[in-house]
Amino acid sequence: MDSGKLQIDAPTAGNAQRDRSRPLAAAVMVSGHGRGTNLGAMIEACSNGRIGGRIAVVIGTRADSPALDRARAAEIPAIVISPRKYEGDDSGYATAILRILMRYEAELICLAGYMRKLPSEVLHRFAGRVMNVHAALLPLFGGQGMYGERVHASVLDSGMKVSGCTVHFVDEEYDTGPIIVQSAVSVLEDDTPETLGSRVLAAENAAYVQAVALFAEGRLRIDGNRVRVLPRGDEE
């Protein structure tokens, strides 16, 4: 066996349930200059018991990320893995990510402003255990390049009266994985992309916490392209 090759057992694909005998250990992945508000909401929810677990590690792409500063302030390990270091080497980038996830025994990956596609190897090894939040009601206003104020400007241009956010499991494409939680936000007559975005962000914070809490409780089951939320007491 090649001693330099990372070895990790793949989970059962499509099964989002977990062993509830121990608290959830989640990894959060961030990019660039994101403020880390979703990360902050998860840290607070872990602290007050809303999420039955902890943020075990935060992985960022840049050392100067405000989200990593937020992690350090909360005394959470903050690790930088620069994609530029692995330009043209997806396997090497995947191995670097998986080593950190294993080191901190992460069960769930939460993408919070992470602006890249995860390597296929990471998605395979964590099938049904990678979440993302999108600032619109998917499948509307999703796909490559749809992020930040672009999303909210597109919503306003469309004439939609309702926007919102979506927390979903991640697959190989942008914003197409099974939907876990959605939260609606009314579009006001005088909204700008900035004002709409601020209200959607608040909804994101709450929805992401809800989705992670359900995962920690073992109450999510992927059934095709649907995610079923099990009633309390029906967990396996």
C-alpha atoms as a PDB file:
ATOM      1  CA  MET A   1       0.000   0.000   0.000  1.00  0.00           C
ATOM      2  CA  ASP A   2       1.209   3.530  -0.800  1.00  0.00           C
ATOM      3  CA  SER A   3       1.870   5.083   2.594  1.00  0.00           C
ATOM      4  CA  GLY A   4       1.253   8.544   1.153  1.00  0.00           C
ATOM      5  CA  LYS A   5      -2.293   7.704   0.065  1.00  0.00           C
ATOM      6  CA  LEU A   6      -5.060   8.654   2.473  1.00  0.00           C
ATOM      7  CA  GLN A   7      -7.318   5.760   3.433  1.00  0.00           C
ATOM      8  CA  ILE A   8     -10.865   6.407   4.641  1.00  0.00           C
ATOM      9  CA  ASP A   9     -13.997   4.282   4.631  1.00  0.00           C
ATOM     10  CA  ALA A  10     -16.807   5.677   2.502  1.00  0.00           C
ATOM     11  CA  PRO A  11     -20.176   6.175   4.211  1.00  0.00           C
ATOM     12  CA  THR A  12     -23.350   4.609   2.906  1.00  0.00           C
ATOM     13  CA  ALA A  13     -24.312   6.831  -0.009  1.00  0.00           C
ATOM     14  CA  GLY A  14     -27.664   8.542   0.379  1.00  0.00           C
ATOM     15  CA  ASN A  15     -27.996   7.857   4.108  1.00  0.00           C
ATOM     16  CA  ALA A  16     -27.961  11.086   6.096  1.00  0.00           C
ATOM     17  CA  GLN A  17     -28.762   9.459   9.442  1.00  0.00           C
ATOM     18  CA  ARG A  18     -26.084   9.131  12.088  1.00  0.00           C
ATOM     19  CA  ASP A  19     -25.103   7.489  15.336  1.00  0.00           C
ATOM     20  CA  ARG A  20     -26.657   9.748  17.984  1.00  0.00           C
ATOM     21  CA  SER A  21     -24.730   8.216  20.849  1.00  0.00           C
ATOM     22  CA  ARG A  22     -22.168  11.022  20.568  1.00  0.00           C
ATOM     23  CA  PRO A  23     -22.442  14.747  19.787  1.00  0.00           C
ATOM     24  CA  LEU A  24     -22.070  15.779  16.166  1.00  0.00           C
ATOM     25  CA  ALA A  25     -18.635  16.942  15.038  1.00  0.00           C
ATOM     26  CA  ALA A  26     -19.034  19.284  12.054  1.00  0.00           C
ATOM     27  CA  ALA A  27     -16.470  20.906   9.779  1.00  0.00           C
ATOM     28  CA  VAL A  28     -17.277  24.271   8.214  1.00  0.00           C
ATOM     29  CA  MET A  29     -15.608  25.303   4.942  1.00  0.00           C
ATOM     30  CA  VAL A  30     -15.319  28.965   3.940  1.00  0.00           C
ATOM     31  CA  SER A  31     -13.718  31.045   1.185  1.00  0.00           C
ATOM     32  CA  GLY A  32     -12.165  34.447   0.733  1.00  0.00           C
ATOM     33  CA  HIS A  33     -13.613  37.439   2.502  1.00  0.00           C
ATOM     34  CA  GLY A  34     -16.932  36.049   3.714  1.00  0.00           C
ATOM     35  CA  ARG A  35     -18.028  37.533   7.029  1.00  0.00           C
ATOM     36  CA  GLY A  36     -18.815  34.150   8.535  1.00  0.00           C
ATOM     37  CA  THR A  37     -22.339  34.972   9.729  1.00  0.00           C
ATOM     38  CA  ASN A  38     -23.627  31.449   9.059  1.00  0.00           C
ATOM     39  CA  LEU A  39     -20.603  30.068  10.889  1.00  0.00           C
ATOM     40  CA  GLY A  40     -21.328  32.425  13.767  1.00  0.00           C
ATOM     41  CA  ALA A  41     -24.939  31.258  13.945  1.00  0.00           C
ATOM     42  CA  MET A  42     -23.784  27.635  14.096  1.00  0.00           C
ATOM     43  CA  ILE A  43     -21.201  28.374  16.793  1.00  0.00           C
ATOM     44  CA  GLU A  44     -23.873  30.066  18.906  1.00  0.00           C
ATOM     45  CA  ALA A  45     -26.351  27.222  18.310  1.00  0.00           C
ATOM     46  CA  CYS A  46     -23.785  24.651  19.410  1.00  0.00           C
ATOM     47  CA  SER A  47     -23.046  26.726  22.511  1.00  0.00           C
ATOM     48  CA  ASN A  48     -26.694  27.090  23.558  1.00  0.00           C
ATOM     49  CA  GLY A  49     -27.664  23.499  22.763  1.00  0.00           C
ATOM     50  CA  ARG A  50     -29.803  24.202  19.711  1.00  0.00           C
ATOM     51  CA  ILE A  51     -27.390  21.972  17.785  1.00  0.00           C
ATOM     52  CA  GLY A  52     -26.402  18.807  19.582  1.00  0.00           C
ATOM     53  CA  GLY A  53     -22.755  18.992  18.686  1.00  0.00           C
ATOM     54  CA  ARG A  54     -19.796  21.241  18.016  1.00  0.00           C
ATOM     55  CA  ILE A  55     -17.849  22.856  15.208  1.00  0.00           C
ATOM     56  CA  ALA A  56     -14.725  20.704  15.243  1.00  0.00           C
ATOM     57  CA  VAL A  57     -12.740  22.641  12.633  1.00  0.00           C
ATOM     58  CA  VAL A  58     -13.103  25.484  10.146  1.00  0.00           C
ATOM     59  CA  ILE A  59     -11.273  25.124   6.829  1.00  0.00           C
ATOM     60  CA  GLY A  60     -10.636  28.216   4.717  1.00  0.00           C
ATOM     61  CA  THR A  61      -8.921  29.041   1.451  1.00  0.00           C
ATOM     62  CA  ARG A  62      -7.205  32.236   2.677  1.00  0.00           C
ATOM     63  CA  ALA A  63      -5.498  33.061   5.952  1.00  0.00           C
ATOM     64  CA  ASP A  64      -7.052  36.554   6.052  1.00  0.00           C
ATOM     65  CA  SER A  65     -10.645  35.313   5.901  1.00  0.00           C
ATOM     66  CA  PRO A  66     -12.900  37.069   8.469  1.00  0.00           C
ATOM     67  CA  ALA A  67     -14.664  33.733   8.966  1.00  0.00           C
ATOM     68  CA  LEU A  68     -11.389  32.164  10.104  1.00  0.00           C
ATOM     69  CA  ASP A  69     -10.912  35.083  12.511  1.00  0.00           C
ATOM     70  CA  ARG A  70     -14.365  34.311  13.893  1.00  0.00           C
ATOM     71  CA  ALA A  71     -13.362  30.671  14.377  1.00  0.00           C
ATOM     72  CA  ARG A  72     -10.141  31.615  16.164  1.00  0.00           C
ATOM     73  CA  ALA A  73     -12.052  33.977  18.453  1.00  0.00           C
ATOM     74  CA  ALA A  74     -14.255  31.029  19.427  1.00  0.00           C
ATOM     75  CA  GLU A  75     -11.141  28.869  19.987  1.00  0.00           C
ATOM     76  CA  ILE A  76     -12.065  26.574  17.098  1.00  0.00           C
ATOM     77  CA  PRO A  77      -9.178  25.185  15.007  1.00  0.00           C
ATOM     78  CA  ALA A  78      -8.861  27.268  11.818  1.00  0.00           C
ATOM     79  CA  ILE A  79      -6.969  25.582   8.983  1.00  0.00           C
ATOM     80  CA  VAL A  80      -5.971  27.109   5.650  1.00  0.00           C
ATOM     81  CA  ILE A  81      -5.850  24.852   2.591  1.00  0.00           C
ATOM     82  CA  SER A  82      -5.084  27.011  -0.431  1.00  0.00           C
ATOM     83  CA  PRO A  83      -6.541  25.679  -3.690  1.00  0.00           C
ATOM     84  CA  ARG A  84      -3.793  27.553  -5.546  1.00  0.00           C
ATOM     85  CA  LYS A  85      -1.238  25.223  -4.001  1.00  0.00           C
ATOM     86  CA  TYR A  86      -3.044  22.329  -5.699  1.00  0.00           C
ATOM     87  CA  GLU A  87      -3.776  23.975  -9.046  1.00  0.00           C
ATOM     88  CA  GLY A  88      -4.338  21.155 -11.536  1.00  0.00           C
ATOM     89  CA  ASP A  89      -4.143  18.516  -8.789  1.00  0.00           C
ATOM     90  CA  ASP A  90      -7.688  17.781  -7.619  1.00  0.00           C
ATOM     91  CA  SER A  91      -6.584  14.538  -6.017  1.00  0.00           C
ATOM     92  CA  GLY A  92      -3.961  16.321  -3.939  1.00  0.00           C
ATOM     93  CA  TYR A  93      -6.470  18.982  -2.891  1.00  0.00           C
ATOM     94  CA  ALA A  94      -8.994  16.287  -1.944  1.00  0.00           C
ATOM     95  CA  THR A  95      -6.381  14.417   0.086  1.00  0.00           C
ATOM     96  CA  ALA A  96      -5.425  17.585   1.971  1.00  0.00           C
ATOM     97  CA  ILE A  97      -9.082  18.254   2.856  1.00  0.00           C
ATOM     98  CA  LEU A  98      -9.761  14.654   3.866  1.00  0.00           C
ATOM     99  CA  ARG A  99      -6.700  14.542   6.131  1.00  0.00           C
ATOM    100  CA  ILE A 100      -8.049  17.504   8.110  1.00  0.00           C
ATOM    101  CA  LEU A 101     -11.561  16.062   8.235  1.00  0.00           C
ATOM    102  CA  MET A 102     -10.175  12.789   9.591  1.00  0.00           C
ATOM    103  CA  ARG A 103      -7.876  14.513  12.073  1.00  0.00           C
ATOM    104  CA  TYR A 104     -10.849  16.290  13.637  1.00  0.00           C
ATOM    105  CA  GLU A 105     -13.237  13.316  13.209  1.00  0.00           C
ATOM    106  CA  ALA A 106     -15.743  15.395  11.246  1.00  0.00           C
ATOM    107  CA  GLU A 107     -19.044  13.690  10.421  1.00  0.00           C
ATOM    108  CA  LEU A 108     -20.634  16.562   8.490  1.00  0.00           C
ATOM    109  CA  ILE A 109     -19.242  19.224   6.145  1.00  0.00           C
ATOM    110  CA  CYS A 110     -21.057  22.575   6.079  1.00  0.00           C
ATOM    111  CA  LEU A 111     -20.193  24.876   3.180  1.00  0.00           C
ATOM    112  CA  ALA A 112     -20.653  28.462   4.331  1.00  0.00           C
ATOM    113  CA  GLY A 113     -19.593  30.837   1.589  1.00  0.00           C
ATOM    114  CA  TYR A 114     -17.249  28.241   0.105  1.00  0.00           C
ATOM    115  CA  MET A 115     -17.142  29.321  -3.527  1.00  0.00           C
ATOM    116  CA  ARG A 116     -15.590  26.266  -5.170  1.00  0.00           C
ATOM    117  CA  LYS A 117     -16.787  22.825  -6.143  1.00  0.00           C
ATOM    118  CA  LEU A 118     -15.570  20.228  -3.684  1.00  0.00           C
ATOM    119  CA  PRO A 119     -13.400  17.549  -5.303  1.00  0.00           C
ATOM    120  CA  SER A 120     -15.387  14.472  -6.333  1.00  0.00           C
ATOM    121  CA  GLU A 121     -13.401  12.299  -3.944  1.00  0.00           C
ATOM    122  CA  VAL A 122     -14.522  14.369  -0.964  1.00  0.00           C
ATOM    123  CA  LEU A 123     -18.156  14.285  -2.124  1.00  0.00           C
ATOM    124  CA  HIS A 124     -17.964  10.496  -2.556  1.00  0.00           C
ATOM    125  CA  ARG A 125     -16.435   9.892   0.857  1.00  0.00           C
ATOM    126  CA  PHE A 126     -18.976  12.207   2.507  1.00  0.00           C
ATOM    127  CA  ALA A 127     -22.018  11.299   0.396  1.00  0.00           C
ATOM    128  CA  GLY A 128     -25.140  12.533   2.177  1.00  0.00           C
ATOM    129  CA  ARG A 129     -22.959  14.433   4.649  1.00  0.00           C
ATOM    130  CA  VAL A 130     -22.177  17.718   2.858  1.00  0.00           C
ATOM    131  CA  MET A 131     -24.542  20.693   3.187  1.00  0.00           C
ATOM    132  CA  ASN A 132     -24.670  24.097   1.538  1.00  0.00           C
ATOM    133  CA  VAL A 133     -26.900  27.148   1.869  1.00  0.00           C
ATOM    134  CA  HIS A 134     -28.043  29.165  -1.152  1.00  0.00           C
ATOM    135  CA  ALA A 135     -29.556  32.644  -1.039  1.00  0.00           C
ATOM    136  CA  ALA A 136     -32.687  31.835  -3.074  1.00  0.00           C
ATOM    137  CA  LEU A 137     -35.489  29.308  -3.252  1.00  0.00           C
ATOM    138  CA  LEU A 138     -33.927  26.573  -5.359  1.00  0.00           C
ATOM    139  CA  PRO A 139     -34.267  25.400  -8.059  1.00  0.00           C
ATOM    140  CA  LEU A 140     -34.819  29.079  -8.961  1.00  0.00           C
ATOM    141  CA  PHE A 141     -31.853  31.427  -9.267  1.00  0.00           C
ATOM    142  CA  GLY A 142     -29.182  28.780  -8.766  1.00  0.00           C
ATOM    143  CA  GLY A 143     -26.228  27.446 -10.703  1.00  0.00           C
ATOM    144  CA  GLN A 144     -22.661  28.472 -11.390  1.00  0.00           C
ATOM    145  CA  GLY A 145     -22.017  32.163 -10.853  1.00  0.00           C
ATOM    146  CA  MET A 146     -25.222  32.761  -8.913  1.00  0.00           C
ATOM    147  CA  TYR A 147     -24.085  34.042  -5.553  1.00  0.00           C
ATOM    148  CA  GLY A 148     -24.124  37.194  -3.473  1.00  0.00           C
ATOM    149  CA  GLU A 149     -25.936  40.238  -4.838  1.00  0.00           C
ATOM    150  CA  ARG A 150     -26.205  38.638  -8.284  1.00  0.00           C
ATOM    151  CA  VAL A 151     -28.876  36.345  -6.882  1.00  0.00           C
ATOM    152  CA  HIS A 152     -30.889  39.137  -5.277  1.00  0.00           C
ATOM    153  CA  ALA A 153     -30.616  41.371  -8.338  1.00  0.00           C
ATOM    154  CA  SER A 154     -31.933  38.511 -10.475  1.00  0.00           C
ATOM    155  CA  VAL A 155     -34.856  37.981  -8.096  1.00  0.00           C
ATOM    156  CA  LEU A 156     -35.783  41.667  -8.268  1.00  0.00           C
ATOM    157  CA  ASP A 157     -35.405  41.756 -12.055  1.00  0.00           C
ATOM    158  CA  SER A 158     -37.736  38.769 -12.361  1.00  0.00           C
ATOM    159  CA  GLY A 159     -40.578  40.477 -10.524  1.00  0.00           C
ATOM    160  CA  MET A 160     -40.828  37.702  -7.937  1.00  0.00           C
ATOM    161  CA  LYS A 161     -42.785  38.645  -4.824  1.00  0.00           C
ATOM    162  CA  VAL A 162     -41.098  36.027  -2.645  1.00  0.00           C
ATOM    163  CA  SER A 163     -37.471  35.016  -2.286  1.00  0.00           C
ATOM    164  CA  GLY A 164     -35.711  33.161   0.495  1.00  0.00           C
ATOM    165  CA  CYS A 165     -32.993  30.617   1.094  1.00  0.00           C
ATOM    166  CA  THR A 166     -32.373  26.903   0.678  1.00  0.00           C
ATOM    167  CA  VAL A 167     -30.214  24.472   2.645  1.00  0.00           C
ATOM    168  CA  HIS A 168     -29.467  21.380   0.589  1.00  0.00           C
ATOM    169  CA  PHE A 169     -27.201  18.383   0.404  1.00  0.00           C
ATOM    170  CA  VAL A 170     -24.384  18.831  -2.080  1.00  0.00           C
ATOM    171  CA  ASP A 171     -23.902  16.743  -5.191  1.00  0.00           C
ATOM    172  CA  GLU A 172     -21.554  17.038  -8.175  1.00  0.00           C
ATOM    173  CA  GLU A 173     -23.323  20.077  -9.676  1.00  0.00           C
ATOM    174  CA  TYR A 174     -24.033  23.600  -8.448  1.00  0.00           C
ATOM    175  CA  ASP A 175     -27.186  23.936  -6.307  1.00  0.00           C
ATOM    176  CA  THR A 176     -28.896  20.737  -7.488  1.00  0.00           C
ATOM    177  CA  GLY A 177     -28.710  18.467  -4.444  1.00  0.00           C
ATOM    178  CA  PRO A 178     -31.687  17.313  -2.348  1.00  0.00           C
ATOM    179  CA  ILE A 179     -33.353  20.144  -0.448  1.00  0.00           C
ATOM    180  CA  ILE A 180     -33.379  19.954   3.358  1.00  0.00           C
ATOM    181  CA  VAL A 181     -34.867  23.264   4.534  1.00  0.00           C
ATOM    182  CA  GLN A 182     -36.283  26.313   2.772  1.00  0.00           C
ATOM    183  CA  SER A 183     -37.320  29.639   4.273  1.00  0.00           C
ATOM    184  CA  ALA A 184     -39.352  32.273   2.420  1.00  0.00           C
ATOM    185  CA  VAL A 185     -38.655  36.018   2.561  1.00  0.00           C
ATOM    186  CA  SER A 186     -41.083  38.552   1.136  1.00  0.00           C
ATOM    187  CA  VAL A 187     -39.803  40.937  -1.531  1.00  0.00           C
ATOM    188  CA  LEU A 188     -40.705  44.520  -0.630  1.00  0.00           C
ATOM    189  CA  GLU A 189     -41.660  47.178  -3.162  1.00  0.00           C
ATOM    190  CA  ASP A 190     -38.629  49.344  -2.381  1.00  0.00           C
ATOM    191  CA  ASP A 191     -36.107  46.508  -2.056  1.00  0.00           C
ATOM    192  CA  THR A 192     -32.621  46.747  -3.473  1.00  0.00           C
ATOM    193  CA  PRO A 193     -30.277  43.763  -3.804  1.00  0.00           C
ATOM    194  CA  GLU A 194     -28.628  44.926  -0.578  1.00  0.00           C
ATOM    195  CA  THR A 195     -31.803  45.252   1.513  1.00  0.00           C
ATOM    196  CA  LEU A 196     -33.268  41.985   0.237  1.00  0.00           C
ATOM    197  CA  GLY A 197     -29.929  40.271   0.782  1.00  0.00           C
ATOM    198  CA  SER A 198     -29.743  41.360   4.411  1.00  0.00           C
ATOM    199  CA  ARG A 199     -33.117  39.782   5.210  1.00  0.00           C
ATOM    200  CA  VAL A 200     -32.311  36.623   3.265  1.00  0.00           C
ATOM    201  CA  LEU A 201     -29.032  36.314   5.177  1.00  0.00           C
ATOM    202  CA  ALA A 202     -30.902  36.366   8.491  1.00  0.00           C
ATOM    203  CA  ALA A 203     -33.130  33.586   7.142  1.00  0.00           C
ATOM    204  CA  GLU A 204     -30.029  31.651   6.056  1.00  0.00           C
ATOM    205  CA  ASN A 205     -28.612  31.773   9.567  1.00  0.00           C
ATOM    206  CA  ALA A 206     -31.778  30.262  11.056  1.00  0.00           C
ATOM    207  CA  ALA A 207     -32.326  27.708   8.289  1.00  0.00           C
ATOM    208  CA  TYR A 208     -28.760  26.414   8.393  1.00  0.00           C
ATOM    209  CA  VAL A 209     -28.933  25.944  12.152  1.00  0.00           C
ATOM    210  CA  GLN A 210     -32.231  24.076  11.727  1.00  0.00           C
ATOM    211  CA  ALA A 211     -30.769  21.753   9.086  1.00  0.00           C
ATOM    212  CA  VAL A 212     -27.636  20.948  11.084  1.00  0.00           C
ATOM    213  CA  ALA A 213     -29.716  20.365  14.224  1.00  0.00           C
ATOM    214  CA  LEU A 214     -31.916  17.887  12.335  1.00  0.00           C
ATOM    215  CA  PHE A 215     -28.833  16.094  11.051  1.00  0.00           C
ATOM    216  CA  ALA A 216     -27.383  15.901  14.568  1.00  0.00           C
ATOM    217  CA  GLU A 217     -30.653  14.375  15.776  1.00  0.00           C
ATOM    218  CA  GLY A 218     -30.506  11.721  13.037  1.00  0.00           C
ATOM    219  CA  ARG A 219     -33.798  12.884  11.555  1.00  0.00           C
ATOM    220  CA  LEU A 220     -32.850  13.371   7.897  1.00  0.00           C
ATOM    221  CA  ARG A 221     -33.301  10.653   5.295  1.00  0.00           C
ATOM    222  CA  ILE A 222     -32.491  11.079   1.604  1.00  0.00           C
ATOM    223  CA  ASP A 223     -35.106   9.427  -0.603  1.00  0.00           C
ATOM    224  CA  GLY A 224     -34.176   9.977  -4.239  1.00  0.00           C
ATOM    225  CA  ASN A 225     -34.085  13.736  -4.707  1.00  0.00           C
ATOM    226  CA  ARG A 226     -36.163  14.384  -1.593  1.00  0.00           C
ATOM    227  CA  VAL A 227     -35.086  14.738   2.010  1.00  0.00           C
ATOM    228  CA  ARG A 228     -37.594  13.396   4.500  1.00  0.00           C
ATOM    229  CA  VAL A 229     -37.592  14.809   8.035  1.00  0.00           C
ATOM    230  CA  LEU A 230     -38.401  12.032  10.467  1.00  0.00           C
ATOM    231  CA  PRO A 231     -40.641  12.770  13.461  1.00  0.00           C
ATOM    232  CA  ARG A 232     -38.916  12.658  16.820  1.00  0.00           C
ATOM    233  CA  GLY A 233     -38.816   9.090  18.058  1.00  0.00           C
ATOM    234  CA  ASP A 234     -38.705   7.571  14.554  1.00  0.00           C
ATOM    235  CA  GLU A 235     -34.907   7.779  14.233  1.00  0.00           C
ATOM    236  CA  GLU A 236     -33.194   4.473  13.548  1.00  0.00           C
END
